[in-house]
Amino acid sequence: SGTPNSFYGNRFEGAQFDSQNIAPIAFAVFAVAL
């Protein structure tokens, strides 16, 4: 996503925020714990 992030500048929004960096790891741990 580095290339589209650089081009569009939208990594802070919805799907980009939820699927990149550390947030999705925490989501996965939460889902399995649930």
Full PDB file with SEQRES, HELIX, SHEET, SSBOND, CRYST1, ORIGX, SCALE, CONECT and MASTER records, all heavy atoms in Angstrom:
SEQRES   1 A   34  SER GLY THR PRO ASN SER PHE TYR GLY ASN ARG PHE GLU          
SEQRES   2 A   34  GLY ALA GLN PHE ASP SER GLN ASN ILE ALA PRO ILE ALA          
SEQRES   3 A   34  PHE ALA VAL PHE ALA VAL ALA LEU                              
HELIX    1 AA1 GLY A    2  TYR A    8  1                                   7    
HELIX    2 AA2 GLY A   14  SER A   19  1                                   6    
HELIX    3 AA3 ALA A   23  ALA A   33  1                                  11    
CRYST1    1.000    1.000    1.000  90.00  90.00  90.00 P 1           1          
ORIGX1      1.000000  0.000000  0.000000        0.00000                         
ORIGX2      0.000000  1.000000  0.000000        0.00000                         
ORIGX3      0.000000  0.000000  1.000000        0.00000                         
SCALE1      1.000000  0.000000  0.000000        0.00000                         
SCALE2      0.000000  1.000000  0.000000        0.00000                         
SCALE3      0.000000  0.000000  1.000000        0.00000                         
ATOM      1  N   SER A   1       0.811  -1.220   0.000  1.00  0.00           N  
ATOM      2  CA  SER A   1       0.000   0.000   0.000  1.00  0.00           C  
ATOM      3  C   SER A   1       0.840   1.264   0.000  1.00  0.00           C  
ATOM      4  O   SER A   1       0.284   2.366  -0.120  1.00  0.00           O  
ATOM      5  CB  SER A   1      -0.927   0.015   1.221  1.00  0.00           C  
ATOM      6  OG  SER A   1      -1.792  -1.106   1.219  1.00  0.00           O  
ATOM      7  N   GLY A   2       2.164   1.130   0.136  1.00  0.00           N  
ATOM      8  CA  GLY A   2       3.011   2.323   0.144  1.00  0.00           C  
ATOM      9  C   GLY A   2       2.847   3.159  -1.107  1.00  0.00           C  
ATOM     10  O   GLY A   2       2.814   4.400  -1.043  1.00  0.00           O  
ATOM     11  N   THR A   3       2.720   2.503  -2.271  1.00  0.00           N  
ATOM     12  CA  THR A   3       2.574   3.237  -3.525  1.00  0.00           C  
ATOM     13  C   THR A   3       1.230   3.949  -3.624  1.00  0.00           C  
ATOM     14  O   THR A   3       1.192   5.156  -3.845  1.00  0.00           O  
ATOM     15  CB  THR A   3       2.778   2.293  -4.727  1.00  0.00           C  
ATOM     16  OG1 THR A   3       4.108   1.769  -4.680  1.00  0.00           O  
ATOM     17  CG2 THR A   3       2.592   3.036  -6.033  1.00  0.00           C  
ATOM     18  N   PRO A   4       0.087   3.246  -3.460  1.00  0.00           N  
ATOM     19  CA  PRO A   4      -1.190   3.975  -3.498  1.00  0.00           C  
ATOM     20  C   PRO A   4      -1.333   4.992  -2.378  1.00  0.00           C  
ATOM     21  O   PRO A   4      -1.952   6.045  -2.571  1.00  0.00           O  
ATOM     22  CB  PRO A   4      -2.247   2.864  -3.395  1.00  0.00           C  
ATOM     23  CG  PRO A   4      -1.535   1.624  -3.086  1.00  0.00           C  
ATOM     24  CD  PRO A   4      -0.110   1.792  -3.422  1.00  0.00           C  
ATOM     25  N   ASN A   5      -0.756   4.718  -1.207  1.00  0.00           N  
ATOM     26  CA  ASN A   5      -0.800   5.712  -0.128  1.00  0.00           C  
ATOM     27  C   ASN A   5      -0.099   6.993  -0.548  1.00  0.00           C  
ATOM     28  O   ASN A   5      -0.568   8.106  -0.294  1.00  0.00           O  
ATOM     29  CB  ASN A   5      -0.134   5.170   1.137  1.00  0.00           C  
ATOM     30  CG  ASN A   5      -0.979   4.136   1.840  1.00  0.00           C  
ATOM     31  OD1 ASN A   5      -2.167   4.005   1.578  1.00  0.00           O  
ATOM     32  ND2 ASN A   5      -0.373   3.377   2.732  1.00  0.00           N  
ATOM     33  N   SER A   6       1.054   6.836  -1.184  1.00  0.00           N  
ATOM     34  CA  SER A   6       1.814   7.995  -1.632  1.00  0.00           C  
ATOM     35  C   SER A   6       1.077   8.765  -2.723  1.00  0.00           C  
ATOM     36  O   SER A   6       1.135  10.002  -2.775  1.00  0.00           O  
ATOM     37  CB  SER A   6       3.179   7.537  -2.149  1.00  0.00           C  
ATOM     38  OG  SER A   6       3.924   8.620  -2.648  1.00  0.00           O  
ATOM     39  N   PHE A   7       0.371   8.033  -3.571  1.00  0.00           N  
ATOM     40  CA  PHE A   7      -0.321   8.670  -4.695  1.00  0.00           C  
ATOM     41  C   PHE A   7      -1.624   9.339  -4.260  1.00  0.00           C  
ATOM     42  O   PHE A   7      -1.896  10.486  -4.610  1.00  0.00           O  
ATOM     43  CB  PHE A   7      -0.599   7.631  -5.783  1.00  0.00           C  
ATOM     44  CG  PHE A   7      -1.239   8.200  -7.018  1.00  0.00           C  
ATOM     45  CD1 PHE A   7      -0.532   9.059  -7.849  1.00  0.00           C  
ATOM     46  CD2 PHE A   7      -2.539   7.871  -7.352  1.00  0.00           C  
ATOM     47  CE1 PHE A   7      -1.118   9.588  -8.987  1.00  0.00           C  
ATOM     48  CE2 PHE A   7      -3.130   8.392  -8.486  1.00  0.00           C  
ATOM     49  CZ  PHE A   7      -2.417   9.247  -9.310  1.00  0.00           C  
ATOM     50  N   TYR A   8      -2.429   8.618  -3.475  1.00  0.00           N  
ATOM     51  CA  TYR A   8      -3.745   9.133  -3.083  1.00  0.00           C  
ATOM     52  C   TYR A   8      -3.715   9.888  -1.751  1.00  0.00           C  
ATOM     53  O   TYR A   8      -4.581  10.717  -1.494  1.00  0.00           O  
ATOM     54  CB  TYR A   8      -4.754   7.991  -2.980  1.00  0.00           C  
ATOM     55  CG  TYR A   8      -5.036   7.296  -4.291  1.00  0.00           C  
ATOM     56  CD1 TYR A   8      -4.673   5.969  -4.483  1.00  0.00           C  
ATOM     57  CD2 TYR A   8      -5.655   7.963  -5.339  1.00  0.00           C  
ATOM     58  CE1 TYR A   8      -4.921   5.323  -5.685  1.00  0.00           C  
ATOM     59  CE2 TYR A   8      -5.920   7.326  -6.542  1.00  0.00           C  
ATOM     60  CZ  TYR A   8      -5.549   6.010  -6.716  1.00  0.00           C  
ATOM     61  OH  TYR A   8      -5.791   5.375  -7.895  1.00  0.00           O  
ATOM     62  N   GLY A   9      -2.759   9.562  -0.886  1.00  0.00           N  
ATOM     63  CA  GLY A   9      -2.687  10.218   0.413  1.00  0.00           C  
ATOM     64  C   GLY A   9      -3.884   9.946   1.297  1.00  0.00           C  
ATOM     65  O   GLY A   9      -4.395  10.863   1.948  1.00  0.00           O  
ATOM     66  N   ASN A  10      -4.346   8.676   1.356  1.00  0.00           N  
ATOM     67  CA  ASN A  10      -5.578   8.386   2.094  1.00  0.00           C  
ATOM     68  C   ASN A  10      -5.438   7.231   3.086  1.00  0.00           C  
ATOM     69  O   ASN A  10      -6.408   6.537   3.378  1.00  0.00           O  
ATOM     70  CB  ASN A  10      -6.707   8.063   1.115  1.00  0.00           C  
ATOM     71  CG  ASN A  10      -6.421   6.811   0.300  1.00  0.00           C  
ATOM     72  OD1 ASN A  10      -5.293   6.325   0.275  1.00  0.00           O  
ATOM     73  ND2 ASN A  10      -7.430   6.299  -0.384  1.00  0.00           N  
ATOM     74  N   ARG A  11      -4.245   6.987   3.618  1.00  0.00           N  
ATOM     75  CA  ARG A  11      -4.077   5.848   4.524  1.00  0.00           C  
ATOM     76  C   ARG A  11      -4.785   6.040   5.855  1.00  0.00           C  
ATOM     77  O   ARG A  11      -4.921   5.100   6.641  1.00  0.00           O  
ATOM     78  CB  ARG A  11      -2.599   5.583   4.776  1.00  0.00           C  
ATOM     79  CG  ARG A  11      -1.912   6.633   5.630  1.00  0.00           C  
ATOM     80  CD  ARG A  11      -0.528   6.188   6.046  1.00  0.00           C  
ATOM     81  NE  ARG A  11       0.113   7.167   6.905  1.00  0.00           N  
ATOM     82  CZ  ARG A  11       1.208   6.926   7.613  1.00  0.00           C  
ATOM     83  NH1 ARG A  11       1.779   5.743   7.548  1.00  0.00           N  
ATOM     84  NH2 ARG A  11       1.749   7.860   8.370  1.00  0.00           N  
ATOM     85  N   PHE A  12      -5.272   7.255   6.121  1.00  0.00           N  
ATOM     86  CA  PHE A  12      -5.958   7.562   7.369  1.00  0.00           C  
ATOM     87  C   PHE A  12      -7.437   7.189   7.298  1.00  0.00           C  
ATOM     88  O   PHE A  12      -8.152   7.250   8.294  1.00  0.00           O  
ATOM     89  CB  PHE A  12      -5.827   9.057   7.669  1.00  0.00           C  
ATOM     90  CG  PHE A  12      -5.761   9.394   9.143  1.00  0.00           C  
ATOM     91  CD1 PHE A  12      -5.123  10.535   9.568  1.00  0.00           C  
ATOM     92  CD2 PHE A  12      -6.335   8.577  10.098  1.00  0.00           C  
ATOM     93  CE1 PHE A  12      -5.046  10.876  10.919  1.00  0.00           C  
ATOM     94  CE2 PHE A  12      -6.281   8.893  11.453  1.00  0.00           C  
ATOM     95  CZ  PHE A  12      -5.637  10.053  11.858  1.00  0.00           C  
ATOM     96  N   GLU A  13      -7.931   6.836   6.139  1.00  0.00           N  
ATOM     97  CA  GLU A  13      -9.358   6.608   5.962  1.00  0.00           C  
ATOM     98  C   GLU A  13      -9.700   5.131   6.062  1.00  0.00           C  
ATOM     99  O   GLU A  13      -8.861   4.262   5.827  1.00  0.00           O  
ATOM    100  CB  GLU A  13      -9.810   7.180   4.617  1.00  0.00           C  
ATOM    101  CG  GLU A  13      -9.579   8.681   4.499  1.00  0.00           C  
ATOM    102  CD  GLU A  13      -9.975   9.231   3.143  1.00  0.00           C  
ATOM    103  OE1 GLU A  13     -10.459   8.440   2.301  1.00  0.00           O  
ATOM    104  OE2 GLU A  13      -9.798  10.435   2.920  1.00  0.00           O  
ATOM    105  N   GLY A  14     -10.959   4.853   6.405  1.00  0.00           N  
ATOM    106  CA  GLY A  14     -11.581   3.552   6.504  1.00  0.00           C  
ATOM    107  C   GLY A  14     -10.757   2.309   6.289  1.00  0.00           C  
ATOM    108  O   GLY A  14     -10.028   1.847   7.162  1.00  0.00           O  
ATOM    109  N   ALA A  15     -10.881   1.710   5.089  1.00  0.00           N  
ATOM    110  CA  ALA A  15     -10.253   0.420   4.807  1.00  0.00           C  
ATOM    111  C   ALA A  15      -8.737   0.489   4.903  1.00  0.00           C  
ATOM    112  O   ALA A  15      -8.095  -0.470   5.331  1.00  0.00           O  
ATOM    113  CB  ALA A  15     -10.673  -0.061   3.423  1.00  0.00           C  
ATOM    114  N   GLN A  16      -8.159   1.618   4.520  1.00  0.00           N  
ATOM    115  CA  GLN A  16      -6.697   1.746   4.587  1.00  0.00           C  
ATOM    116  C   GLN A  16      -6.223   1.734   6.029  1.00  0.00           C  
ATOM    117  O   GLN A  16      -5.251   1.055   6.374  1.00  0.00           O  
ATOM    118  CB  GLN A  16      -6.250   3.039   3.889  1.00  0.00           C  
ATOM    119  CG  GLN A  16      -6.334   3.020   2.378  1.00  0.00           C  
ATOM    120  CD  GLN A  16      -7.760   3.106   1.869  1.00  0.00           C  
ATOM    121  OE1 GLN A  16      -8.637   3.620   2.552  1.00  0.00           O  
ATOM    122  NE2 GLN A  16      -7.990   2.618   0.676  1.00  0.00           N  
ATOM    123  N   PHE A  17      -6.887   2.462   6.885  1.00  0.00           N  
ATOM    124  CA  PHE A  17      -6.504   2.494   8.298  1.00  0.00           C  
ATOM    125  C   PHE A  17      -6.675   1.119   8.942  1.00  0.00           C  
ATOM    126  O   PHE A  17      -5.853   0.683   9.743  1.00  0.00           O  
ATOM    127  CB  PHE A  17      -7.363   3.529   9.035  1.00  0.00           C  
ATOM    128  CG  PHE A  17      -7.006   3.695  10.491  1.00  0.00           C  
ATOM    129  CD1 PHE A  17      -6.082   4.650  10.879  1.00  0.00           C  
ATOM    130  CD2 PHE A  17      -7.592   2.912  11.473  1.00  0.00           C  
ATOM    131  CE1 PHE A  17      -5.737   4.822  12.217  1.00  0.00           C  
ATOM    132  CE2 PHE A  17      -7.264   3.066  12.808  1.00  0.00           C  
ATOM    133  CZ  PHE A  17      -6.336   4.022  13.182  1.00  0.00           C  
ATOM    134  N   ASP A  18      -7.757   0.427   8.573  1.00  0.00           N  
ATOM    135  CA  ASP A  18      -8.093  -0.835   9.213  1.00  0.00           C  
ATOM    136  C   ASP A  18      -7.254  -2.012   8.742  1.00  0.00           C  
ATOM    137  O   ASP A  18      -7.282  -3.071   9.381  1.00  0.00           O  
ATOM    138  CB  ASP A  18      -9.566  -1.164   8.969  1.00  0.00           C  
ATOM    139  CG  ASP A  18     -10.492  -0.214   9.698  1.00  0.00           C  
ATOM    140  OD1 ASP A  18     -10.020   0.470  10.627  1.00  0.00           O  
ATOM    141  OD2 ASP A  18     -11.682  -0.153   9.341  1.00  0.00           O  
ATOM    142  N   SER A  19      -6.538  -1.875   7.626  1.00  0.00           N  
ATOM    143  CA  SER A  19      -5.822  -3.018   7.064  1.00  0.00           C  
ATOM    144  C   SER A  19      -4.304  -2.849   7.063  1.00  0.00           C  
ATOM    145  O   SER A  19      -3.597  -3.730   6.577  1.00  0.00           O  
ATOM    146  CB  SER A  19      -6.293  -3.276   5.629  1.00  0.00           C  
ATOM    147  OG  SER A  19      -6.048  -2.151   4.805  1.00  0.00           O  
ATOM    148  N   GLN A  20      -3.797  -1.740   7.611  1.00  0.00           N  
ATOM    149  CA  GLN A  20      -2.363  -1.488   7.556  1.00  0.00           C  
ATOM    150  C   GLN A  20      -1.773  -1.265   8.951  1.00  0.00           C  
ATOM    151  O   GLN A  20      -2.471  -0.851   9.875  1.00  0.00           O  
ATOM    152  CB  GLN A  20      -2.065  -0.267   6.679  1.00  0.00           C  
ATOM    153  CG  GLN A  20      -2.509  -0.415   5.237  1.00  0.00           C  
ATOM    154  CD  GLN A  20      -2.316   0.858   4.424  1.00  0.00           C  
ATOM    155  OE1 GLN A  20      -1.386   1.630   4.659  1.00  0.00           O  
ATOM    156  NE2 GLN A  20      -3.200   1.086   3.470  1.00  0.00           N  
ATOM    157  N   ASN A  21      -0.472  -1.573   9.055  1.00  0.00           N  
ATOM    158  CA  ASN A  21       0.313  -1.326  10.265  1.00  0.00           C  
ATOM    159  C   ASN A  21      -0.176  -2.178  11.440  1.00  0.00           C  
ATOM    160  O   ASN A  21      -0.435  -3.361  11.264  1.00  0.00           O  
ATOM    161  CB  ASN A  21       0.349   0.173  10.568  1.00  0.00           C  
ATOM    162  CG  ASN A  21       1.113   0.932   9.486  1.00  0.00           C  
ATOM    163  OD1 ASN A  21       2.270   0.644   9.201  1.00  0.00           O  
ATOM    164  ND2 ASN A  21       0.453   1.890   8.850  1.00  0.00           N  
ATOM    165  N   ILE A  22      -0.332  -1.616  12.641  1.00  0.00           N  
ATOM    166  CA  ILE A  22      -0.557  -2.445  13.821  1.00  0.00           C  
ATOM    167  C   ILE A  22      -2.027  -2.690  14.143  1.00  0.00           C  
ATOM    168  O   ILE A  22      -2.348  -3.646  14.861  1.00  0.00           O  
ATOM    169  CB  ILE A  22       0.128  -1.828  15.059  1.00  0.00           C  
ATOM    170  CG1 ILE A  22      -0.451  -0.436  15.346  1.00  0.00           C  
ATOM    171  CG2 ILE A  22       1.628  -1.767  14.871  1.00  0.00           C  
ATOM    172  CD1 ILE A  22       0.058   0.156  16.640  1.00  0.00           C  
ATOM    173  N   ALA A  23      -2.926  -1.860  13.628  1.00  0.00           N  
ATOM    174  CA  ALA A  23      -4.343  -2.013  13.959  1.00  0.00           C  
ATOM    175  C   ALA A  23      -4.893  -3.385  13.585  1.00  0.00           C  
ATOM    176  O   ALA A  23      -5.588  -4.015  14.396  1.00  0.00           O  
ATOM    177  CB  ALA A  23      -5.167  -0.904  13.305  1.00  0.00           C  
ATOM    178  N   PRO A  24      -4.639  -3.906  12.374  1.00  0.00           N  
ATOM    179  CA  PRO A  24      -5.217  -5.219  12.035  1.00  0.00           C  
ATOM    180  C   PRO A  24      -4.709  -6.361  12.914  1.00  0.00           C  
ATOM    181  O   PRO A  24      -5.417  -7.358  13.087  1.00  0.00           O  
ATOM    182  CB  PRO A  24      -4.806  -5.417  10.567  1.00  0.00           C  
ATOM    183  CG  PRO A  24      -3.688  -4.474  10.330  1.00  0.00           C  
ATOM    184  CD  PRO A  24      -3.942  -3.310  11.221  1.00  0.00           C  
ATOM    185  N   ILE A  25      -3.517  -6.235  13.467  1.00  0.00           N  
ATOM    186  CA  ILE A  25      -3.020  -7.271  14.380  1.00  0.00           C  
ATOM    187  C   ILE A  25      -3.870  -7.288  15.649  1.00  0.00           C  
ATOM    188  O   ILE A  25      -4.283  -8.347  16.129  1.00  0.00           O  
ATOM    189  CB  ILE A  25      -1.547  -7.022  14.726  1.00  0.00           C  
ATOM    190  CG1 ILE A  25      -0.693  -6.976  13.450  1.00  0.00           C  
ATOM    191  CG2 ILE A  25      -1.019  -8.098  15.678  1.00  0.00           C  
ATOM    192  CD1 ILE A  25       0.755  -6.578  13.689  1.00  0.00           C  
ATOM    193  N   ALA A  26      -4.153  -6.105  16.179  1.00  0.00           N  
ATOM    194  CA  ALA A  26      -5.002  -6.014  17.374  1.00  0.00           C  
ATOM    195  C   ALA A  26      -6.420  -6.485  17.075  1.00  0.00           C  
ATOM    196  O   ALA A  26      -7.048  -7.151  17.905  1.00  0.00           O  
ATOM    197  CB  ALA A  26      -5.017  -4.575  17.888  1.00  0.00           C  
ATOM    198  N   PHE A  27      -6.940  -6.167  15.875  1.00  0.00           N  
ATOM    199  CA  PHE A  27      -8.273  -6.636  15.501  1.00  0.00           C  
ATOM    200  C   PHE A  27      -8.323  -8.165  15.487  1.00  0.00           C  
ATOM    201  O   PHE A  27      -9.293  -8.772  15.936  1.00  0.00           O  
ATOM    202  CB  PHE A  27      -8.659  -6.110  14.106  1.00  0.00           C  
ATOM    203  CG  PHE A  27      -8.766  -4.614  14.008  1.00  0.00           C  
ATOM    204  CD1 PHE A  27      -8.607  -3.981  12.785  1.00  0.00           C  
ATOM    205  CD2 PHE A  27      -9.038  -3.840  15.121  1.00  0.00           C  
ATOM    206  CE1 PHE A  27      -8.709  -2.605  12.672  1.00  0.00           C  
ATOM    207  CE2 PHE A  27      -9.147  -2.461  15.032  1.00  0.00           C  
ATOM    208  CZ  PHE A  27      -8.980  -1.841  13.801  1.00  0.00           C  
ATOM    209  N   ALA A  28      -7.265  -8.781  14.941  1.00  0.00           N  
ATOM    210  CA  ALA A  28      -7.236 -10.241  14.847  1.00  0.00           C  
ATOM    211  C   ALA A  28      -7.175 -10.886  16.228  1.00  0.00           C  
ATOM    212  O   ALA A  28      -7.878 -11.870  16.493  1.00  0.00           O  
ATOM    213  CB  ALA A  28      -6.041 -10.680  14.005  1.00  0.00           C  
ATOM    214  N   VAL A  29      -6.351 -10.344  17.113  1.00  0.00           N  
ATOM    215  CA  VAL A  29      -6.262 -10.886  18.479  1.00  0.00           C  
ATOM    216  C   VAL A  29      -7.605 -10.748  19.186  1.00  0.00           C  
ATOM    217  O   VAL A  29      -8.067 -11.669  19.878  1.00  0.00           O  
ATOM    218  CB  VAL A  29      -5.146 -10.176  19.264  1.00  0.00           C  
ATOM    219  CG1 VAL A  29      -5.153 -10.616  20.730  1.00  0.00           C  
ATOM    220  CG2 VAL A  29      -3.780 -10.468  18.641  1.00  0.00           C  
ATOM    221  N   PHE A  30      -8.253  -9.607  19.006  1.00  0.00           N  
ATOM    222  CA  PHE A  30      -9.575  -9.396  19.605  1.00  0.00           C  
ATOM    223  C   PHE A  30     -10.591 -10.392  19.061  1.00  0.00           C  
ATOM    224  O   PHE A  30     -11.383 -10.971  19.820  1.00  0.00           O  
ATOM    225  CB  PHE A  30     -10.043  -7.966  19.326  1.00  0.00           C  
ATOM    226  CG  PHE A  30     -11.504  -7.735  19.600  1.00  0.00           C  
ATOM    227  CD1 PHE A  30     -11.979  -7.667  20.894  1.00  0.00           C  
ATOM    228  CD2 PHE A  30     -12.405  -7.602  18.551  1.00  0.00           C  
ATOM    229  CE1 PHE A  30     -13.335  -7.469  21.146  1.00  0.00           C  
ATOM    230  CE2 PHE A  30     -13.750  -7.399  18.788  1.00  0.00           C  
ATOM    231  CZ  PHE A  30     -14.221  -7.336  20.093  1.00  0.00           C  
ATOM    232  N   ALA A  31     -10.584 -10.604  17.736  1.00  0.00           N  
ATOM    233  CA  ALA A  31     -11.549 -11.518  17.126  1.00  0.00           C  
ATOM    234  C   ALA A  31     -11.365 -12.943  17.640  1.00  0.00           C  
ATOM    235  O   ALA A  31     -12.347 -13.637  17.950  1.00  0.00           O  
ATOM    236  CB  ALA A  31     -11.409 -11.483  15.609  1.00  0.00           C  
ATOM    237  N   VAL A  32     -10.122 -13.401  17.740  1.00  0.00           N  
ATOM    238  CA  VAL A  32      -9.862 -14.755  18.230  1.00  0.00           C  
ATOM    239  C   VAL A  32     -10.229 -14.864  19.706  1.00  0.00           C  
ATOM    240  O   VAL A  32     -10.810 -15.868  20.140  1.00  0.00           O  
ATOM    241  CB  VAL A  32      -8.389 -15.138  17.996  1.00  0.00           C  
ATOM    242  CG1 VAL A  32      -8.046 -16.432  18.706  1.00  0.00           C  
ATOM    243  CG2 VAL A  32      -8.122 -15.275  16.499  1.00  0.00           C  
ATOM    244  N   ALA A  33      -9.914 -13.838  20.488  1.00  0.00           N  
ATOM    245  CA  ALA A  33     -10.293 -13.844  21.907  1.00  0.00           C  
ATOM    246  C   ALA A  33     -11.813 -13.872  22.057  1.00  0.00           C  
ATOM    247  O   ALA A  33     -12.353 -14.565  22.931  1.00  0.00           O  
ATOM    248  CB  ALA A  33      -9.709 -12.625  22.610  1.00  0.00           C  
ATOM    249  N   LEU A  34     -12.499 -13.135  21.195  1.00  0.00           N  
ATOM    250  CA  LEU A  34     -13.962 -13.139  21.212  1.00  0.00           C  
ATOM    251  C   LEU A  34     -14.494 -14.529  20.876  1.00  0.00           C  
ATOM    252  O   LEU A  34     -15.433 -15.022  21.508  1.00  0.00           O  
ATOM    253  CB  LEU A  34     -14.490 -12.119  20.205  1.00  0.00           C  
ATOM    254  CG  LEU A  34     -16.005 -11.962  20.076  1.00  0.00           C  
ATOM    255  CD1 LEU A  34     -16.621 -11.549  21.404  1.00  0.00           C  
ATOM    256  CD2 LEU A  34     -16.332 -10.940  18.992  1.00  0.00           C  
TER     257      LEU A  34                                                      
MASTER        0    0    0    3    0    0    0    6  256    1    0    3          
END                                                                             
